[in-house]
Amino acid sequence: MANTIERKIEEKALDIVNVVIGLALVLSPWVLGFSAEQAAAWNAWVVGALIALIAAGALFAFAAWEEWANLVLGIWAVLSPWILGFAAVSAAMWVHMIAGLIVAVLAGLDLWYVSKRPSTA
């Protein structure tokens, strides 16, 4: 079962970083001053909250789908400035790109760790 996987501290650290990045993305519209830009702000709030919640869930009951979800959310965060049309808002574009890249890379790394784990079956 996915919930009985014993994870190493390095693997848990990846999720802790993703929780922090998700929370930073949630706060970024206020901190970086783009809360008036609705598409960028709402995307940061929703995507950041989902990243943080999914990563926190992985800390308590790991399942590979959580890492896949964060990988997709990270990729979405990178692409969303152009898809949603806020690429001209520099602060919003950069925070989405940086946060998205970090989340996607860490989720991918966690998936790689899972694939290298010896089977217990």
Foldseek 3Di string as FASTA:
>chain_A
DQQPDDDDPVLLVLLVVQLVLLVCLQCQCVVVVPVVVPQLNVLSNVLSVLSNVLSVVCNNGNDLVSLVVQLVSLVCLQCVCVVVVPVVVPSSNVSSNVSSVSSNVSSVVSVVVVVPDDDPD
